[in-house]
């Protein structure tokens, strides 16, 4: 039973990793945000993520032109880096929406 639980945990982690970039773009499509706020929203949605996982994804998406950022003064501590989705990021998000719907339909068909 322990082997099954361990394997299931691994599968769940891999599935979450696979959709994390999609989730980040979805969050930033609603509003500009800084890393701690993105993490809080992911945790609220039961997508547990740590900064060490998030920052490399944000950097990769920025380098791909999907995100940009600006520095904004904070009343509580140092300035914050606010990430925002670009037009290219919105196009990628739209494509990901289509892929997600197709994937859900496929799984529903196979399970049905």
Protein backbone atom coordinates (compact mmCIF):
# COMPACT_ATOMS: atom_id res chain seq x y z
CA UNK A 1 0.00 0.00 0.00
CA UNK A 2 2.88 2.38 0.78
CA UNK A 3 4.32 1.93 -2.74
CA UNK A 4 0.96 2.83 -4.28
CA UNK A 5 0.64 5.94 -2.08
CA UNK A 6 4.19 7.02 -2.96
CA UNK A 7 3.58 6.50 -6.68
CA UNK A 8 0.27 8.36 -6.50
CA UNK A 9 1.96 11.30 -4.76
CA UNK A 10 4.55 11.37 -7.55
CA UNK A 11 1.85 11.30 -10.24
CA UNK A 12 -0.05 14.13 -8.54
CA UNK A 13 3.13 16.22 -8.26
CA UNK A 14 3.94 15.68 -11.94
CA UNK A 15 0.41 16.61 -13.00
CA UNK A 16 0.55 19.81 -10.93
CA UNK A 17 3.93 20.74 -12.41
CA UNK A 18 2.51 20.23 -15.87
CA UNK A 19 -0.22 22.81 -15.39
CA UNK A 20 1.66 25.31 -13.23
CA UNK A 21 2.71 27.57 -16.11
CA UNK A 22 -0.92 27.60 -17.28
CA UNK A 23 -2.04 28.54 -13.75
CA UNK A 24 0.49 31.39 -13.53
CA UNK A 25 -0.71 32.91 -16.81
CA UNK A 26 -4.32 32.50 -15.68
CA UNK A 27 -3.63 34.39 -12.44
CA UNK A 28 -1.76 37.19 -14.20
CA UNK A 29 -4.47 37.47 -16.84
CA UNK A 30 -6.80 38.65 -14.06
CA UNK A 31 -4.38 41.17 -12.53
CA UNK A 32 -0.72 42.09 -12.20
CA UNK A 33 0.82 40.42 -9.19
CA UNK A 34 4.04 39.85 -7.27
CA UNK A 35 5.50 36.42 -6.47
CA UNK A 36 4.22 36.09 -2.89
CA UNK A 37 0.71 36.98 -4.02
CA UNK A 38 0.89 34.42 -6.87
CA UNK A 39 1.99 31.75 -4.37
CA UNK A 40 -0.87 32.68 -2.01
CA UNK A 41 -3.42 32.39 -4.82
CA UNK A 42 -2.00 29.03 -5.92
CA UNK A 43 -2.14 27.76 -2.32
CA UNK A 44 -5.73 28.95 -2.00
CA UNK A 45 -6.50 26.84 -5.08
CA UNK A 46 -4.74 23.83 -3.46
CA UNK A 47 -1.73 24.12 -5.81
CA UNK A 48 1.01 24.10 -3.20
CA UNK A 49 4.09 25.84 -4.61
CA UNK A 50 7.25 27.19 -3.03
CA UNK A 51 9.29 30.17 -4.20
CA UNK A 52 12.05 27.87 -5.44
CA UNK A 53 9.57 26.39 -7.92
CA UNK A 54 7.83 29.62 -8.89
CA UNK A 55 10.78 31.90 -9.66
CA UNK A 56 12.35 29.71 -12.38
CA UNK A 57 8.94 29.47 -14.09
CA UNK A 58 8.45 33.25 -13.93
CA UNK A 59 11.94 33.80 -15.38
CA UNK A 60 11.31 31.28 -18.17
CA UNK A 61 7.94 32.84 -19.04
CA UNK A 62 9.52 36.31 -19.02
CA UNK A 63 12.34 35.12 -21.30
CA UNK A 64 9.73 33.64 -23.67
CA UNK A 65 8.01 37.04 -23.82
CA UNK A 66 4.88 35.78 -22.05
CA UNK A 67 5.38 38.06 -19.04
CA UNK A 68 6.99 41.36 -18.22
CA UNK A 69 7.47 43.07 -14.89
CA UNK A 70 7.76 46.43 -13.19
CA UNK A 71 9.10 47.49 -9.80
CA UNK A 72 6.62 49.11 -7.45
CA UNK A 73 7.32 50.75 -4.08
CA UNK A 74 5.83 48.95 -1.10
CA UNK A 75 4.58 50.43 2.15
CA UNK A 76 5.82 47.26 3.85
CA UNK A 77 9.48 46.74 3.04
CA UNK A 78 11.47 46.88 -0.19
CA UNK A 79 10.01 47.50 -3.66
CA UNK A 80 8.09 44.60 -5.20
CA UNK A 81 8.47 43.12 -8.65
CA UNK A 82 4.99 42.99 -10.20
CA UNK A 83 4.56 40.54 -13.05
CA UNK A 84 2.08 41.16 -15.86
CA UNK A 85 0.97 39.11 -18.82
CA UNK A 86 1.96 40.35 -22.28
CA UNK A 87 -0.04 40.12 -25.49
CA UNK A 88 2.05 37.10 -26.45
CA UNK A 89 1.22 35.63 -23.03
CA UNK A 90 -2.51 36.16 -23.65
CA UNK A 91 -2.21 34.35 -26.98
CA UNK A 92 -0.37 31.49 -25.29
CA UNK A 93 -3.02 31.37 -22.56
CA UNK A 94 -5.76 31.17 -25.18
CA UNK A 95 -3.97 28.24 -26.84
CA UNK A 96 -3.51 26.57 -23.43
CA UNK A 97 -7.26 27.01 -22.79
CA UNK A 98 -7.97 25.10 -26.00
CA UNK A 99 -5.48 22.35 -25.16
CA UNK A 100 -6.95 22.06 -21.65
CA UNK A 101 -10.51 21.70 -22.97
CA UNK A 102 -9.38 19.03 -25.46
CA UNK A 103 -7.52 17.17 -22.72
CA UNK A 104 -10.54 17.24 -20.39
CA UNK A 105 -12.77 15.98 -23.21
CA UNK A 106 -10.33 13.18 -23.96
CA UNK A 107 -10.17 12.09 -20.32
CA UNK A 108 -13.95 12.34 -19.97
CA UNK A 109 -14.34 10.17 -23.08
CA UNK A 110 -11.85 7.57 -21.85
CA UNK A 111 -13.38 7.47 -18.38
CA UNK A 112 -16.97 7.59 -19.62
